[in-house]
């Protein structure tokens, strides 16, 4: 079955009806006014076991650029 991807999926009437229904549903939703917590700020408060690497050393050997 051929699909025309340029054709609108919904008519203008469908879009206006859907948006009105969604707005009414959001009005009754108690969590819609709650601000989401930033993931990075929430992750900073967690301390994973064994995650303290302050006593570890890292040694890397750096070579100058060489011709192939």
PDB file of N, CA and C in Angstrom:
ATOM      1  N   UNK A   1       0.845  -1.173   0.000  1.00  0.00           N
ATOM      2  CA  UNK A   1       0.000   0.000   0.000  1.00  0.00           C
ATOM      3  C   UNK A   1       0.894   1.241   0.000  1.00  0.00           C
ATOM      4  N   UNK A   2       0.629   2.140  -0.912  1.00  0.00           N
ATOM      5  CA  UNK A   2       1.431   3.350  -1.040  1.00  0.00           C
ATOM      6  C   UNK A   2       1.030   4.359   0.029  1.00  0.00           C
ATOM      7  N   UNK A   3       2.029   5.064   0.548  1.00  0.00           N
ATOM      8  CA  UNK A   3       1.784   6.073   1.570  1.00  0.00           C
ATOM      9  C   UNK A   3       2.267   7.413   1.059  1.00  0.00           C
ATOM     10  N   UNK A   4       1.414   8.403   1.125  1.00  0.00           N
ATOM     11  CA  UNK A   4       1.782   9.751   0.725  1.00  0.00           C
ATOM     12  C   UNK A   4       2.224  10.501   1.974  1.00  0.00           C
ATOM     13  N   UNK A   5       3.525  10.681   2.116  1.00  0.00           N
ATOM     14  CA  UNK A   5       4.055  11.310   3.321  1.00  0.00           C
ATOM     15  C   UNK A   5       3.853  12.821   3.333  1.00  0.00           C
ATOM     16  N   UNK A   6       3.520  13.407   2.195  1.00  0.00           N
ATOM     17  CA  UNK A   6       3.290  14.842   2.143  1.00  0.00           C
ATOM     18  C   UNK A   6       1.875  15.216   2.569  1.00  0.00           C
ATOM     19  N   UNK A   7       0.981  14.255   2.566  1.00  0.00           N
ATOM     20  CA  UNK A   7      -0.406  14.536   2.931  1.00  0.00           C
ATOM     21  C   UNK A   7      -0.509  14.725   4.441  1.00  0.00           C
ATOM     22  N   UNK A   8      -1.313  15.688   4.888  1.00  0.00           N
ATOM     23  CA  UNK A   8      -1.470  15.873   6.337  1.00  0.00           C
ATOM     24  C   UNK A   8      -2.144  14.655   6.956  1.00  0.00           C
ATOM     25  N   UNK A   9      -1.723  14.317   8.131  1.00  0.00           N
ATOM     26  CA  UNK A   9      -2.276  13.143   8.797  1.00  0.00           C
ATOM     27  C   UNK A   9      -3.626  13.438   9.431  1.00  0.00           C
ATOM     28  N   UNK A  10      -3.819  14.669   9.861  1.00  0.00           N
ATOM     29  CA  UNK A  10      -5.080  15.055  10.481  1.00  0.00           C
ATOM     30  C   UNK A  10      -5.568  16.336   9.825  1.00  0.00           C
ATOM     31  N   UNK A  11      -6.854  16.502   9.826  1.00  0.00           N
ATOM     32  CA  UNK A  11      -7.417  17.737   9.295  1.00  0.00           C
ATOM     33  C   UNK A  11      -7.332  18.816  10.369  1.00  0.00           C
ATOM     34  N   UNK A  12      -7.612  20.041   9.983  1.00  0.00           N
ATOM     35  CA  UNK A  12      -7.572  21.156  10.929  1.00  0.00           C
ATOM     36  C   UNK A  12      -8.602  20.971  12.044  1.00  0.00           C
ATOM     37  N   UNK A  13      -9.764  20.397  11.695  1.00  0.00           N
ATOM     38  CA  UNK A  13     -10.786  20.168  12.715  1.00  0.00           C
ATOM     39  C   UNK A  13     -10.301  19.160  13.749  1.00  0.00           C
ATOM     40  N   UNK A  14      -9.632  18.106  13.285  1.00  0.00           N
ATOM     41  CA  UNK A  14      -9.114  17.096  14.209  1.00  0.00           C
ATOM     42  C   UNK A  14      -8.072  17.698  15.143  1.00  0.00           C
ATOM     43  N   UNK A  15      -7.215  18.552  14.608  1.00  0.00           N
ATOM     44  CA  UNK A  15      -6.175  19.164  15.430  1.00  0.00           C
ATOM     45  C   UNK A  15      -6.772  20.067  16.502  1.00  0.00           C
ATOM     46  N   UNK A  16      -7.781  20.838  16.139  1.00  0.00           N
ATOM     47  CA  UNK A  16      -8.378  21.738  17.127  1.00  0.00           C
ATOM     48  C   UNK A  16      -9.129  20.951  18.196  1.00  0.00           C
ATOM     49  N   UNK A  17      -9.783  19.857  17.809  1.00  0.00           N
ATOM     50  CA  UNK A  17     -10.485  19.042  18.799  1.00  0.00           C
ATOM     51  C   UNK A  17      -9.498  18.365  19.740  1.00  0.00           C
ATOM     52  N   UNK A  18      -8.418  17.836  19.177  1.00  0.00           N
ATOM     53  CA  UNK A  18      -7.427  17.165  20.008  1.00  0.00           C
ATOM     54  C   UNK A  18      -6.792  18.132  20.996  1.00  0.00           C
ATOM     55  N   UNK A  19      -6.466  19.315  20.540  1.00  0.00           N
ATOM     56  CA  UNK A  19      -5.794  20.244  21.437  1.00  0.00           C
ATOM     57  C   UNK A  19      -6.725  20.689  22.566  1.00  0.00           C
ATOM     58  N   UNK A  20      -7.999  20.858  22.291  1.00  0.00           N
ATOM     59  CA  UNK A  20      -8.945  21.231  23.332  1.00  0.00           C
ATOM     60  C   UNK A  20      -9.073  20.109  24.357  1.00  0.00           C
ATOM     61  N   UNK A  21      -9.132  18.874  23.879  1.00  0.00           N
ATOM     62  CA  UNK A  21      -9.227  17.741  24.793  1.00  0.00           C
ATOM     63  C   UNK A  21      -7.960  17.615  25.632  1.00  0.00           C
ATOM     64  N   UNK A  22      -6.825  17.846  25.022  1.00  0.00           N
ATOM     65  CA  UNK A  22      -5.567  17.764  25.762  1.00  0.00           C
ATOM     66  C   UNK A  22      -5.482  18.851  26.827  1.00  0.00           C
ATOM     67  N   UNK A  23      -5.923  20.049  26.499  1.00  0.00           N
ATOM     68  CA  UNK A  23      -5.900  21.134  27.478  1.00  0.00           C
ATOM     69  C   UNK A  23      -6.818  20.835  28.655  1.00  0.00           C
ATOM     70  N   UNK A  24      -7.965  20.278  28.385  1.00  0.00           N
ATOM     71  CA  UNK A  24      -8.877  19.935  29.471  1.00  0.00           C
ATOM     72  C   UNK A  24      -8.300  18.824  30.334  1.00  0.00           C
ATOM     73  N   UNK A  25      -7.609  17.879  29.721  1.00  0.00           N
ATOM     74  CA  UNK A  25      -6.989  16.796  30.485  1.00  0.00           C
ATOM     75  C   UNK A  25      -5.851  17.337  31.343  1.00  0.00           C
ATOM     76  N   UNK A  26      -5.091  18.282  30.818  1.00  0.00           N
ATOM     77  CA  UNK A  26      -3.982  18.867  31.575  1.00  0.00           C
ATOM     78  C   UNK A  26      -4.490  19.672  32.766  1.00  0.00           C
ATOM     79  N   UNK A  27      -5.648  20.285  32.606  1.00  0.00           N
ATOM     80  CA  UNK A  27      -6.199  21.082  33.692  1.00  0.00           C
ATOM     81  C   UNK A  27      -6.482  20.205  34.905  1.00  0.00           C
ATOM     82  N   UNK A  28      -6.951  18.981  34.665  1.00  0.00           N
ATOM     83  CA  UNK A  28      -7.258  18.088  35.776  1.00  0.00           C
ATOM     84  C   UNK A  28      -6.028  17.328  36.261  1.00  0.00           C
ATOM     85  N   UNK A  29      -4.942  17.358  35.507  1.00  0.00           N
ATOM     86  CA  UNK A  29      -3.720  16.652  35.902  1.00  0.00           C
ATOM     87  C   UNK A  29      -2.999  17.465  36.971  1.00  0.00           C
ATOM     88  N   UNK A  30      -2.772  16.865  38.133  1.00  0.00           N
ATOM     89  CA  UNK A  30      -2.156  17.592  39.248  1.00  0.00           C
ATOM     90  C   UNK A  30      -0.650  17.732  39.087  1.00  0.00           C
ATOM     91  N   UNK A  31      -0.020  16.874  38.308  1.00  0.00           N
ATOM     92  CA  UNK A  31       1.428  16.928  38.140  1.00  0.00           C
ATOM     93  C   UNK A  31       1.855  17.853  37.007  1.00  0.00           C
ATOM     94  N   UNK A  32       0.923  18.429  36.274  1.00  0.00           N
ATOM     95  CA  UNK A  32       1.300  19.248  35.133  1.00  0.00           C
ATOM     96  C   UNK A  32       1.976  20.554  35.552  1.00  0.00           C
ATOM     97  N   UNK A  33       1.712  21.054  36.747  1.00  0.00           N
ATOM     98  CA  UNK A  33       2.315  22.295  37.196  1.00  0.00           C
ATOM     99  C   UNK A  33       3.652  22.108  37.868  1.00  0.00           C
ATOM    100  N   UNK A  34       4.042  20.875  38.110  1.00  0.00           N
ATOM    101  CA  UNK A  34       5.290  20.590  38.806  1.00  0.00           C
ATOM    102  C   UNK A  34       6.456  20.762  37.834  1.00  0.00           C
ATOM    103  N   UNK A  35       7.475  21.474  38.272  1.00  0.00           N
ATOM    104  CA  UNK A  35       8.656  21.679  37.443  1.00  0.00           C
ATOM    105  C   UNK A  35       9.540  20.444  37.543  1.00  0.00           C
ATOM    106  N   UNK A  36      10.014  19.982  36.396  1.00  0.00           N
ATOM    107  CA  UNK A  36      10.894  18.815  36.393  1.00  0.00           C
ATOM    108  C   UNK A  36      12.227  19.166  37.022  1.00  0.00           C
ATOM    109  N   UNK A  37      12.797  18.223  37.730  1.00  0.00           N
ATOM    110  CA  UNK A  37      14.093  18.415  38.366  1.00  0.00           C
ATOM    111  C   UNK A  37      15.195  18.195  37.336  1.00  0.00           C
ATOM    112  N   UNK A  38      16.214  19.019  37.379  1.00  0.00           N
ATOM    113  CA  UNK A  38      17.327  18.896  36.449  1.00  0.00           C
ATOM    114  C   UNK A  38      18.091  17.611  36.746  1.00  0.00           C
ATOM    115  N   UNK A  39      18.347  16.818  35.717  1.00  0.00           N
ATOM    116  CA  UNK A  39      18.999  15.522  35.906  1.00  0.00           C
ATOM    117  C   UNK A  39      20.418  15.656  36.448  1.00  0.00           C
ATOM    118  N   UNK A  40      21.148  16.646  35.976  1.00  0.00           N
ATOM    119  CA  UNK A  40      22.534  16.784  36.433  1.00  0.00           C
ATOM    120  C   UNK A  40      22.587  17.190  37.899  1.00  0.00           C
ATOM    121  N   UNK A  41      21.684  18.054  38.323  1.00  0.00           N
ATOM    122  CA  UNK A  41      21.662  18.451  39.729  1.00  0.00           C
ATOM    123  C   UNK A  41      21.246  17.284  40.617  1.00  0.00           C
ATOM    124  N   UNK A  42      20.330  16.475  40.146  1.00  0.00           N
ATOM    125  CA  UNK A  42      19.889  15.321  40.931  1.00  0.00           C
ATOM    126  C   UNK A  42      20.996  14.278  41.020  1.00  0.00           C
ATOM    127  N   UNK A  43      21.777  14.121  39.958  1.00  0.00           N
ATOM    128  CA  UNK A  43      22.835  13.109  39.938  1.00  0.00           C
ATOM    129  C   UNK A  43      24.014  13.506  40.821  1.00  0.00           C
ATOM    130  N   UNK A  44      24.223  14.795  41.041  1.00  0.00           N
ATOM    131  CA  UNK A  44      25.349  15.231  41.864  1.00  0.00           C
ATOM    132  C   UNK A  44      25.180  14.808  43.320  1.00  0.00           C
ATOM    133  N   UNK A  45      23.966  14.604  43.766  1.00  0.00           N
ATOM    134  CA  UNK A  45      23.713  14.228  45.144  1.00  0.00           C
ATOM    135  C   UNK A  45      23.927  12.754  45.430  1.00  0.00           C
ATOM    136  N   UNK A  46      24.051  11.931  44.418  1.00  0.00           N
ATOM    137  CA  UNK A  46      24.228  10.494  44.618  1.00  0.00           C
ATOM    138  C   UNK A  46      25.701  10.141  44.715  1.00  0.00           C
ATOM    139  N   UNK A  47      26.032   9.323  45.681  1.00  0.00           N
ATOM    140  CA  UNK A  47      27.409   8.841  45.842  1.00  0.00           C
ATOM    141  C   UNK A  47      27.399   7.334  45.618  1.00  0.00           C
ATOM    142  N   UNK A  48      28.054   6.893  44.563  1.00  0.00           N
ATOM    143  CA  UNK A  48      28.104   5.472  44.252  1.00  0.00           C
ATOM    144  C   UNK A  48      29.191   4.795  45.068  1.00  0.00           C
ATOM    145  N   UNK A  49      28.971   3.551  45.495  1.00  0.00           N
ATOM    146  CA  UNK A  49      30.005   2.842  46.253  1.00  0.00           C
ATOM    147  C   UNK A  49      31.217   2.573  45.367  1.00  0.00           C
ATOM    148  N   UNK A  50      32.394   2.867  45.895  1.00  0.00           N
ATOM    149  CA  UNK A  50      33.627   2.664  45.130  1.00  0.00           C
ATOM    150  C   UNK A  50      33.894   3.740  44.098  1.00  0.00           C
ATOM    151  N   UNK A  51      33.166   4.824  44.146  1.00  0.00           N
ATOM    152  CA  UNK A  51      33.323   5.872  43.150  1.00  0.00           C
ATOM    153  C   UNK A  51      34.396   6.883  43.523  1.00  0.00           C
ATOM    154  N   UNK A  52      34.922   6.814  44.737  1.00  0.00           N
ATOM    155  CA  UNK A  52      35.951   7.757  45.163  1.00  0.00           C
ATOM    156  C   UNK A  52      37.283   7.342  44.549  1.00  0.00           C
ATOM    157  N   UNK A  53      37.733   8.089  43.563  1.00  0.00           N
ATOM    158  CA  UNK A  53      38.990   7.792  42.878  1.00  0.00           C
ATOM    159  C   UNK A  53      40.063   8.814  43.222  1.00  0.00           C
ATOM    160  N   UNK A  54      39.915   9.521  44.338  1.00  0.00           N
ATOM    161  CA  UNK A  54      40.866  10.571  44.683  1.00  0.00           C
ATOM    162  C   UNK A  54      42.247  10.009  45.004  1.00  0.00           C
ATOM    163  N   UNK A  55      42.344   8.758  45.439  1.00  0.00           N
ATOM    164  CA  UNK A  55      43.645   8.176  45.758  1.00  0.00           C
ATOM    165  C   UNK A  55      44.299   7.478  44.573  1.00  0.00           C
ATOM    166  N   UNK A  56      43.650   7.455  43.443  1.00  0.00           N
ATOM    167  CA  UNK A  56      44.185   6.772  42.265  1.00  0.00           C
ATOM    168  C   UNK A  56      45.072   7.710  41.460  1.00  0.00           C
ATOM    169  N   UNK A  57      46.067   7.130  40.799  1.00  0.00           N
ATOM    170  CA  UNK A  57      46.939   7.899  39.917  1.00  0.00           C
ATOM    171  C   UNK A  57      46.774   7.399  38.495  1.00  0.00           C
ATOM    172  N   UNK A  58      46.933   8.296  37.569  1.00  0.00           N
ATOM    173  CA  UNK A  58      46.824   7.957  36.162  1.00  0.00           C
ATOM    174  C   UNK A  58      48.130   8.335  35.491  1.00  0.00           C
ATOM    175  N   UNK A  59      48.739   7.379  34.827  1.00  0.00           N
ATOM    176  CA  UNK A  59      49.977   7.687  34.109  1.00  0.00           C
ATOM    177  C   UNK A  59      49.756   7.395  32.630  1.00  0.00           C
ATOM    178  N   UNK A  60      50.141   8.361  31.811  1.00  0.00           N
ATOM    179  CA  UNK A  60      49.952   8.264  30.371  1.00  0.00           C
ATOM    180  C   UNK A  60      51.272   8.587  29.699  1.00  0.00           C
ATOM    181  N   UNK A  61      51.667   7.759  28.753  1.00  0.00           N
ATOM    182  CA  UNK A  61      52.887   8.019  28.005  1.00  0.00           C
ATOM    183  C   UNK A  61      52.509   8.781  26.739  1.00  0.00           C
ATOM    184  N   UNK A  62      53.100   9.958  26.562  1.00  0.00           N
ATOM    185  CA  UNK A  62      52.796  10.810  25.420  1.00  0.00           C
ATOM    186  C   UNK A  62      53.946  10.728  24.439  1.00  0.00           C
ATOM    187  N   UNK A  63      53.628  10.388  23.201  1.00  0.00           N
ATOM    188  CA  UNK A  63      54.634  10.310  22.147  1.00  0.00           C
ATOM    189  C   UNK A  63      54.462  11.487  21.208  1.00  0.00           C
ATOM    190  N   UNK A  64      55.582  12.067  20.737  1.00  0.00           N
ATOM    191  CA  UNK A  64      55.449  13.152  19.765  1.00  0.00           C
ATOM    192  C   UNK A  64      54.913  12.619  18.435  1.00  0.00           C
ATOM    193  N   UNK A  65      54.382  13.504  17.634  1.00  0.00           N
ATOM    194  CA  UNK A  65      53.826  13.128  16.339  1.00  0.00           C
ATOM    195  C   UNK A  65      54.927  12.535  15.467  1.00  0.00           C
ATOM    196  N   UNK A  66      54.603  11.432  14.822  1.00  0.00           N
ATOM    197  CA  UNK A  66      55.571  10.740  13.976  1.00  0.00           C
ATOM    198  C   UNK A  66      54.988  10.549  12.590  1.00  0.00           C
ATOM    199  N   UNK A  67      55.871  10.438  11.623  1.00  0.00           N
ATOM    200  CA  UNK A  67      55.427  10.172  10.255  1.00  0.00           C
ATOM    201  C   UNK A  67      54.982   8.713  10.150  1.00  0.00           C
ATOM    202  N   UNK A  68      54.023   8.457   9.308  1.00  0.00           N
ATOM    203  CA  UNK A  68      53.527   7.082   9.132  1.00  0.00           C
ATOM    204  C   UNK A  68      54.506   6.214   8.420  1.00  0.00           C
TER     205      UNK A  68
END
